[in-house]
Amino acid sequence: MGLSGFLLALAVACGIWAVAAAVLITIALDKRGVRTPFPFIRAFIFRNLRRYREMTLGETGKVGPLFYSYVVPLNAALLLVLAALVARALRL
């Protein structure tokens, strides 16, 4: 496995982390009274992300950690895939 394969594996790990964070955000919102039907978690992720951010900001004055636990790995996965494509093009 070359560098591009390693970077793609890291990107997949980041994607799994983001999915886990999305589920945890949905659970946290369910505890606060905002229901999301399980089959529609993917359809409502941006709505849930916005609501989670607003609710935690209103409760504590800070954005909750699950917000960044979703946003950061998703952006990292994007950058890792781009780096893997560059590494594959350069045959690294």
N, C-alpha and C. Protein backbone atom coordinates (compact mmCIF):
# COMPACT_ATOMS: atom_id res chain seq x y z
N MET A 1 0.86 -1.18 0.00
CA MET A 1 0.00 0.00 0.00
C MET A 1 0.90 1.23 0.00
N GLY A 2 0.67 2.08 -0.96
CA GLY A 2 1.47 3.29 -1.09
C GLY A 2 0.89 4.43 -0.28
N LEU A 3 1.44 5.58 -0.53
CA LEU A 3 1.01 6.77 0.19
C LEU A 3 -0.45 7.10 -0.10
N SER A 4 -0.86 6.96 -1.35
CA SER A 4 -2.25 7.29 -1.70
C SER A 4 -3.22 6.35 -1.00
N GLY A 5 -2.89 5.08 -0.88
CA GLY A 5 -3.74 4.13 -0.17
C GLY A 5 -3.84 4.46 1.31
N PHE A 6 -2.72 4.86 1.90
CA PHE A 6 -2.71 5.25 3.31
C PHE A 6 -3.58 6.48 3.55
N LEU A 7 -3.46 7.46 2.66
CA LEU A 7 -4.26 8.68 2.80
C LEU A 7 -5.75 8.39 2.62
N LEU A 8 -6.08 7.50 1.71
CA LEU A 8 -7.48 7.12 1.53
C LEU A 8 -8.02 6.38 2.75
N ALA A 9 -7.20 5.55 3.37
CA ALA A 9 -7.62 4.85 4.59
C ALA A 9 -7.89 5.85 5.71
N LEU A 10 -7.04 6.86 5.82
CA LEU A 10 -7.27 7.91 6.82
C LEU A 10 -8.56 8.69 6.52
N ALA A 11 -8.82 8.92 5.25
CA ALA A 11 -10.04 9.63 4.86
C ALA A 11 -11.28 8.82 5.23
N VAL A 12 -11.23 7.52 5.03
CA VAL A 12 -12.35 6.65 5.40
C VAL A 12 -12.55 6.68 6.91
N ALA A 13 -11.46 6.65 7.67
CA ALA A 13 -11.55 6.73 9.13
C ALA A 13 -12.20 8.05 9.56
N CYS A 14 -11.84 9.13 8.92
CA CYS A 14 -12.44 10.43 9.22
C CYS A 14 -13.93 10.43 8.88
N GLY A 15 -14.30 9.78 7.79
CA GLY A 15 -15.70 9.68 7.42
C GLY A 15 -16.50 8.90 8.44
N ILE A 16 -15.94 7.81 8.94
CA ILE A 16 -16.61 7.02 9.98
C ILE A 16 -16.77 7.84 11.25
N TRP A 17 -15.74 8.62 11.60
CA TRP A 17 -15.80 9.48 12.77
C TRP A 17 -16.93 10.51 12.61
N ALA A 18 -17.06 11.09 11.43
CA ALA A 18 -18.11 12.09 11.19
C ALA A 18 -19.50 11.46 11.28
N VAL A 19 -19.65 10.24 10.78
CA VAL A 19 -20.94 9.56 10.88
C VAL A 19 -21.29 9.29 12.34
N ALA A 20 -20.33 8.85 13.12
CA ALA A 20 -20.56 8.62 14.54
C ALA A 20 -20.95 9.92 15.24
N ALA A 21 -20.30 11.01 14.89
CA ALA A 21 -20.64 12.30 15.49
C ALA A 21 -22.05 12.73 15.10
N ALA A 22 -22.45 12.46 13.87
CA ALA A 22 -23.81 12.81 13.42
C ALA A 22 -24.86 12.04 14.23
N VAL A 23 -24.59 10.77 14.48
CA VAL A 23 -25.53 9.98 15.29
C VAL A 23 -25.57 10.51 16.72
N LEU A 24 -24.42 10.86 17.28
CA LEU A 24 -24.39 11.40 18.64
C LEU A 24 -25.09 12.76 18.73
N ILE A 25 -24.98 13.57 17.69
CA ILE A 25 -25.69 14.85 17.65
C ILE A 25 -27.19 14.60 17.65
N THR A 26 -27.63 13.61 16.87
CA THR A 26 -29.06 13.28 16.83
C THR A 26 -29.55 12.81 18.19
N ILE A 27 -28.74 12.00 18.87
CA ILE A 27 -29.11 11.53 20.21
C ILE A 27 -29.18 12.70 21.19
N ALA A 28 -28.21 13.62 21.10
CA ALA A 28 -28.21 14.78 21.99
C ALA A 28 -29.43 15.66 21.75
N LEU A 29 -29.84 15.80 20.50
CA LEU A 29 -31.03 16.60 20.20
C LEU A 29 -32.30 15.89 20.67
N ASP A 30 -32.33 14.56 20.56
CA ASP A 30 -33.49 13.80 21.06
C ASP A 30 -33.67 14.02 22.55
N LYS A 31 -32.58 14.08 23.28
CA LYS A 31 -32.65 14.34 24.72
C LYS A 31 -33.16 15.74 25.03
N ARG A 32 -32.97 16.66 24.08
CA ARG A 32 -33.45 18.03 24.27
C ARG A 32 -34.83 18.25 23.66
N GLY A 33 -35.44 17.19 23.15
CA GLY A 33 -36.80 17.29 22.64
C GLY A 33 -36.94 17.51 21.15
N VAL A 34 -35.85 17.50 20.42
CA VAL A 34 -35.90 17.66 18.96
C VAL A 34 -35.76 16.26 18.36
N ARG A 35 -36.85 15.74 17.86
CA ARG A 35 -36.88 14.37 17.35
C ARG A 35 -36.49 14.32 15.87
N THR A 36 -35.73 13.29 15.51
CA THR A 36 -35.39 13.01 14.12
C THR A 36 -35.64 11.52 13.90
N PRO A 37 -36.51 11.16 12.98
CA PRO A 37 -36.73 9.75 12.70
C PRO A 37 -35.44 9.10 12.19
N PHE A 38 -35.15 7.90 12.67
CA PHE A 38 -33.88 7.24 12.33
C PHE A 38 -33.61 7.14 10.83
N PRO A 39 -34.59 6.78 10.01
CA PRO A 39 -34.27 6.67 8.57
C PRO A 39 -33.90 8.00 7.92
N PHE A 40 -34.23 9.11 8.57
CA PHE A 40 -33.98 10.42 7.97
C PHE A 40 -32.80 11.16 8.59
N ILE A 41 -31.95 10.46 9.32
CA ILE A 41 -30.80 11.11 9.95
C ILE A 41 -29.94 11.79 8.88
N ARG A 42 -29.70 11.09 7.79
CA ARG A 42 -28.85 11.65 6.74
C ARG A 42 -29.49 12.87 6.08
N ALA A 43 -30.80 12.85 5.92
CA ALA A 43 -31.50 13.97 5.28
C ALA A 43 -31.52 15.21 6.16
N PHE A 44 -31.52 15.00 7.48
CA PHE A 44 -31.64 16.13 8.41
C PHE A 44 -30.33 16.50 9.09
N ILE A 45 -29.19 16.02 8.61
CA ILE A 45 -27.94 16.26 9.32
C ILE A 45 -27.60 17.74 9.39
N PHE A 46 -27.81 18.49 8.33
CA PHE A 46 -27.46 19.91 8.38
C PHE A 46 -28.42 20.68 9.28
N ARG A 47 -29.69 20.29 9.29
CA ARG A 47 -30.66 20.90 10.20
C ARG A 47 -30.26 20.58 11.64
N ASN A 48 -29.92 19.32 11.91
CA ASN A 48 -29.53 18.92 13.25
C ASN A 48 -28.24 19.61 13.69
N LEU A 49 -27.31 19.74 12.77
CA LEU A 49 -26.04 20.40 13.09
C LEU A 49 -26.28 21.85 13.48
N ARG A 50 -27.12 22.53 12.72
CA ARG A 50 -27.44 23.93 13.03
C ARG A 50 -28.16 24.04 14.37
N ARG A 51 -29.15 23.17 14.59
CA ARG A 51 -29.89 23.22 15.85
C ARG A 51 -29.01 22.88 17.05
N TYR A 52 -28.14 21.89 16.89
CA TYR A 52 -27.23 21.54 17.99
C TYR A 52 -26.33 22.72 18.33
N ARG A 53 -25.81 23.37 17.30
CA ARG A 53 -24.95 24.53 17.52
C ARG A 53 -25.71 25.64 18.25
N GLU A 54 -26.92 25.94 17.80
CA GLU A 54 -27.73 26.99 18.42
C GLU A 54 -28.08 26.64 19.86
N MET A 55 -28.47 25.39 20.11
CA MET A 55 -28.88 25.00 21.46
C MET A 55 -27.72 25.02 22.44
N THR A 56 -26.57 24.47 22.04
CA THR A 56 -25.44 24.46 22.96
C THR A 56 -24.88 25.86 23.17
N LEU A 57 -24.93 26.68 22.14
CA LEU A 57 -24.48 28.06 22.27
C LEU A 57 -25.38 28.81 23.24
N GLY A 58 -26.69 28.56 23.16
CA GLY A 58 -27.62 29.21 24.07
C GLY A 58 -27.52 28.70 25.50
N GLU A 59 -27.22 27.42 25.67
CA GLU A 59 -27.14 26.83 27.01
C GLU A 59 -25.86 27.19 27.74
N THR A 60 -24.73 27.10 27.05
CA THR A 60 -23.44 27.26 27.73
C THR A 60 -22.65 28.48 27.28
N GLY A 61 -23.06 29.09 26.19
CA GLY A 61 -22.29 30.20 25.65
C GLY A 61 -21.18 29.75 24.72
N LYS A 62 -21.04 28.44 24.56
CA LYS A 62 -20.02 27.87 23.66
C LYS A 62 -20.69 26.83 22.77
N VAL A 63 -20.10 26.61 21.63
CA VAL A 63 -20.60 25.57 20.74
C VAL A 63 -20.19 24.22 21.31
N GLY A 64 -21.10 23.25 21.28
CA GLY A 64 -20.83 21.93 21.82
C GLY A 64 -19.73 21.20 21.07
N PRO A 65 -19.06 20.27 21.73
CA PRO A 65 -17.92 19.58 21.11
C PRO A 65 -18.32 18.67 19.95
N LEU A 66 -19.54 18.19 19.92
CA LEU A 66 -19.95 17.31 18.83
C LEU A 66 -20.03 18.06 17.50
N PHE A 67 -20.26 19.36 17.56
CA PHE A 67 -20.29 20.16 16.34
C PHE A 67 -18.94 20.08 15.63
N TYR A 68 -17.88 20.32 16.39
CA TYR A 68 -16.54 20.28 15.80
C TYR A 68 -16.11 18.85 15.51
N SER A 69 -16.66 17.90 16.27
CA SER A 69 -16.35 16.50 16.03
C SER A 69 -16.97 16.01 14.73
N TYR A 70 -17.90 16.75 14.17
CA TYR A 70 -18.46 16.43 12.86
C TYR A 70 -17.76 17.23 11.77
N VAL A 71 -17.58 18.51 11.99
CA VAL A 71 -17.06 19.41 10.95
C VAL A 71 -15.58 19.14 10.65
N VAL A 72 -14.77 18.98 11.67
CA VAL A 72 -13.32 18.82 11.46
C VAL A 72 -12.99 17.52 10.71
N PRO A 73 -13.51 16.35 11.11
CA PRO A 73 -13.15 15.15 10.36
C PRO A 73 -13.70 15.14 8.93
N LEU A 74 -14.83 15.79 8.72
CA LEU A 74 -15.37 15.85 7.37
C LEU A 74 -14.46 16.67 6.46
N ASN A 75 -13.97 17.80 6.96
CA ASN A 75 -13.03 18.61 6.18
C ASN A 75 -11.69 17.90 6.02
N ALA A 76 -11.26 17.20 7.06
CA ALA A 76 -10.00 16.44 6.97
C ALA A 76 -10.11 15.35 5.92
N ALA A 77 -11.26 14.69 5.86
CA ALA A 77 -11.46 13.64 4.85
C ALA A 77 -11.36 14.23 3.45
N LEU A 78 -11.95 15.38 3.25
CA LEU A 78 -11.87 16.04 1.95
C LEU A 78 -10.42 16.34 1.58
N LEU A 79 -9.68 16.91 2.50
CA LEU A 79 -8.28 17.23 2.23
C LEU A 79 -7.44 15.97 2.01
N LEU A 80 -7.71 14.92 2.76
CA LEU A 80 -6.96 13.67 2.60
C LEU A 80 -7.23 13.02 1.24
N VAL A 81 -8.46 13.09 0.79
CA VAL A 81 -8.77 12.54 -0.54
C VAL A 81 -8.06 13.34 -1.62
N LEU A 82 -8.07 14.65 -1.49
CA LEU A 82 -7.35 15.48 -2.47
C LEU A 82 -5.85 15.18 -2.45
N ALA A 83 -5.28 15.01 -1.26
CA ALA A 83 -3.86 14.68 -1.15
C ALA A 83 -3.57 13.30 -1.75
N ALA A 84 -4.50 12.36 -1.57
CA ALA A 84 -4.33 11.03 -2.14
C ALA A 84 -4.36 11.09 -3.66
N LEU A 85 -5.23 11.91 -4.21
CA LEU A 85 -5.27 12.08 -5.66
C LEU A 85 -3.99 12.68 -6.20
N VAL A 86 -3.46 13.66 -5.49
CA VAL A 86 -2.19 14.27 -5.91
C VAL A 86 -1.06 13.25 -5.80
N ALA A 87 -1.04 12.47 -4.72
CA ALA A 87 0.01 11.45 -4.54
C ALA A 87 -0.08 10.39 -5.63
N ARG A 88 -1.29 10.03 -5.99
CA ARG A 88 -1.45 9.03 -7.06
C ARG A 88 -1.00 9.60 -8.41
N ALA A 89 -1.31 10.86 -8.65
CA ALA A 89 -0.92 11.49 -9.92
C ALA A 89 0.59 11.61 -10.02
N LEU A 90 1.24 11.86 -8.89
CA LEU A 90 2.70 12.00 -8.87
C LEU A 90 3.40 10.66 -8.67
N ARG A 91 2.63 9.59 -8.51
CA ARG A 91 3.15 8.23 -8.30
C ARG A 91 4.03 8.15 -7.06
N LEU A 92 3.55 8.72 -5.95
CA LEU A 92 4.30 8.66 -4.68
C LEU A 92 3.92 7.45 -3.87
